[in-house]
Amino acid sequence: MARGHLLSSDEKAHHEVWRAVRRCENITRQAMKKVPQTTDRRKEARLGFAKMNLGRDWAKDVFSGEKEFNLMETSGADAT
């Protein structure tokens, strides 16, 4: 162990994760695909859809591909 170069447990965990990622043959870095910017025409169409459906009861609709995003540290189930 080198003197003067002590890592915290978080830093050690971070380094260990990156070592594991680099060793894995199935994980590769790729450039993100370019996507066209939203056109004014498309923005107007989206705004029109939103205005038409303002009063809609969205609880009755089913969305595929829904993703739960945890914006706070709690999952919400145990939050008060």
C-alpha atoms as a PDB file:
ATOM      1  CA  MET A   1       0.000   0.000   0.000  1.00  0.00           C
ATOM      2  CA  ALA A   2       1.414   3.356  -1.028  1.00  0.00           C
ATOM      3  CA  ARG A   3       1.684   5.937   1.676  1.00  0.00           C
ATOM      4  CA  GLY A   4      -0.366   9.097   1.353  1.00  0.00           C
ATOM      5  CA  HIS A   5      -2.767   7.552  -1.172  1.00  0.00           C
ATOM      6  CA  LEU A   6      -5.657   6.207   0.871  1.00  0.00           C
ATOM      7  CA  LEU A   7      -9.032   5.810  -0.807  1.00  0.00           C
ATOM      8  CA  SER A   8     -12.377   6.024   0.913  1.00  0.00           C
ATOM      9  CA  SER A   9     -14.662   2.999   0.725  1.00  0.00           C
ATOM     10  CA  ASP A  10     -16.803   4.827  -1.868  1.00  0.00           C
ATOM     11  CA  GLU A  11     -13.757   5.487  -4.043  1.00  0.00           C
ATOM     12  CA  LYS A  12     -12.654   1.862  -3.730  1.00  0.00           C
ATOM     13  CA  ALA A  13     -16.121   0.671  -4.756  1.00  0.00           C
ATOM     14  CA  HIS A  14     -16.123   3.071  -7.713  1.00  0.00           C
ATOM     15  CA  HIS A  15     -12.754   1.773  -8.916  1.00  0.00           C
ATOM     16  CA  GLU A  16     -13.822  -1.854  -8.463  1.00  0.00           C
ATOM     17  CA  VAL A  17     -16.982  -1.312 -10.522  1.00  0.00           C
ATOM     18  CA  TRP A  18     -14.993   0.282 -13.350  1.00  0.00           C
ATOM     19  CA  ARG A  19     -12.451  -2.560 -13.281  1.00  0.00           C
ATOM     20  CA  ALA A  20     -15.304  -5.060 -13.636  1.00  0.00           C
ATOM     21  CA  VAL A  21     -16.867  -3.062 -16.489  1.00  0.00           C
ATOM     22  CA  ARG A  22     -13.555  -2.894 -18.368  1.00  0.00           C
ATOM     23  CA  ARG A  23     -13.012  -6.662 -17.965  1.00  0.00           C
ATOM     24  CA  CYS A  24     -16.444  -7.543 -19.359  1.00  0.00           C
ATOM     25  CA  GLU A  25     -16.286  -8.288 -23.091  1.00  0.00           C
ATOM     26  CA  ASN A  26     -20.013  -7.624 -23.561  1.00  0.00           C
ATOM     27  CA  ILE A  27     -19.844  -4.002 -22.417  1.00  0.00           C
ATOM     28  CA  THR A  28     -18.518  -1.604 -25.041  1.00  0.00           C
ATOM     29  CA  ARG A  29     -18.554   2.139 -25.396  1.00  0.00           C
ATOM     30  CA  GLN A  30     -20.554   3.550 -28.276  1.00  0.00           C
ATOM     31  CA  ALA A  31     -21.250   7.026 -29.509  1.00  0.00           C
ATOM     32  CA  MET A  32     -24.875   8.032 -29.062  1.00  0.00           C
ATOM     33  CA  LYS A  33     -26.957   8.036 -32.211  1.00  0.00           C
ATOM     34  CA  LYS A  34     -27.723  11.420 -33.699  1.00  0.00           C
ATOM     35  CA  VAL A  35     -31.395  12.335 -33.734  1.00  0.00           C
ATOM     36  CA  PRO A  36     -32.996  15.200 -35.617  1.00  0.00           C
ATOM     37  CA  GLN A  37     -34.077  18.209 -33.632  1.00  0.00           C
ATOM     38  CA  THR A  38     -37.780  18.664 -33.027  1.00  0.00           C
ATOM     39  CA  THR A  39     -39.217  20.775 -35.837  1.00  0.00           C
ATOM     40  CA  ASP A  40     -41.635  23.650 -35.310  1.00  0.00           C
ATOM     41  CA  ARG A  41     -44.305  21.594 -37.108  1.00  0.00           C
ATOM     42  CA  ARG A  42     -43.812  18.669 -34.724  1.00  0.00           C
ATOM     43  CA  LYS A  43     -43.857  20.989 -31.693  1.00  0.00           C
ATOM     44  CA  GLU A  44     -47.191  22.418 -32.859  1.00  0.00           C
ATOM     45  CA  ALA A  45     -48.610  18.906 -33.330  1.00  0.00           C
ATOM     46  CA  ARG A  46     -47.538  17.900 -29.823  1.00  0.00           C
ATOM     47  CA  LEU A  47     -48.979  21.084 -28.332  1.00  0.00           C
ATOM     48  CA  GLY A  48     -52.259  20.492 -30.172  1.00  0.00           C
ATOM     49  CA  PHE A  49     -52.449  16.935 -28.812  1.00  0.00           C
ATOM     50  CA  ALA A  50     -51.808  18.195 -25.276  1.00  0.00           C
ATOM     51  CA  LYS A  51     -54.494  20.877 -25.538  1.00  0.00           C
ATOM     52  CA  MET A  52     -57.060  18.399 -26.933  1.00  0.00           C
ATOM     53  CA  ASN A  53     -56.421  15.980 -24.086  1.00  0.00           C
ATOM     54  CA  LEU A  54     -56.160  18.353 -21.107  1.00  0.00           C
ATOM     55  CA  GLY A  55     -59.359  17.100 -19.492  1.00  0.00           C
ATOM     56  CA  ARG A  56     -58.764  13.430 -20.256  1.00  0.00           C
ATOM     57  CA  ASP A  57     -58.713  10.912 -17.393  1.00  0.00           C
ATOM     58  CA  TRP A  58     -55.285   9.394 -18.047  1.00  0.00           C
ATOM     59  CA  ALA A  59     -55.746   6.858 -15.228  1.00  0.00           C
ATOM     60  CA  LYS A  60     -57.888   4.824 -17.639  1.00  0.00           C
ATOM     61  CA  ASP A  61     -55.097   4.547 -20.243  1.00  0.00           C
ATOM     62  CA  VAL A  62     -52.343   1.965 -20.318  1.00  0.00           C
ATOM     63  CA  PHE A  63     -48.883   3.024 -21.397  1.00  0.00           C
ATOM     64  CA  SER A  64     -46.335   0.513 -22.603  1.00  0.00           C
ATOM     65  CA  GLY A  65     -42.702   0.908 -21.706  1.00  0.00           C
ATOM     66  CA  GLU A  66     -43.369   2.869 -18.531  1.00  0.00           C
ATOM     67  CA  LYS A  67     -40.273   3.473 -16.441  1.00  0.00           C
ATOM     68  CA  GLU A  68     -40.214   4.291 -12.750  1.00  0.00           C
ATOM     69  CA  PHE A  69     -37.884   7.169 -11.960  1.00  0.00           C
ATOM     70  CA  ASN A  70     -36.731   7.573  -8.387  1.00  0.00           C
ATOM     71  CA  LEU A  71     -36.102  11.297  -8.017  1.00  0.00           C
ATOM     72  CA  MET A  72     -35.758  11.110  -4.248  1.00  0.00           C
ATOM     73  CA  GLU A  73     -33.854   8.717  -2.029  1.00  0.00           C
ATOM     74  CA  THR A  74     -36.983   6.852  -0.961  1.00  0.00           C
ATOM     75  CA  SER A  75     -38.966   4.561  -3.233  1.00  0.00           C
ATOM     76  CA  GLY A  76     -42.204   6.268  -2.249  1.00  0.00           C
ATOM     77  CA  ALA A  77     -43.667   3.176  -0.610  1.00  0.00           C
ATOM     78  CA  ASP A  78     -42.210   4.057   2.758  1.00  0.00           C
ATOM     79  CA  ALA A  79     -42.274   7.850   2.356  1.00  0.00           C
ATOM     80  CA  THR A  80     -44.607   9.848   4.570  1.00  0.00           C
END
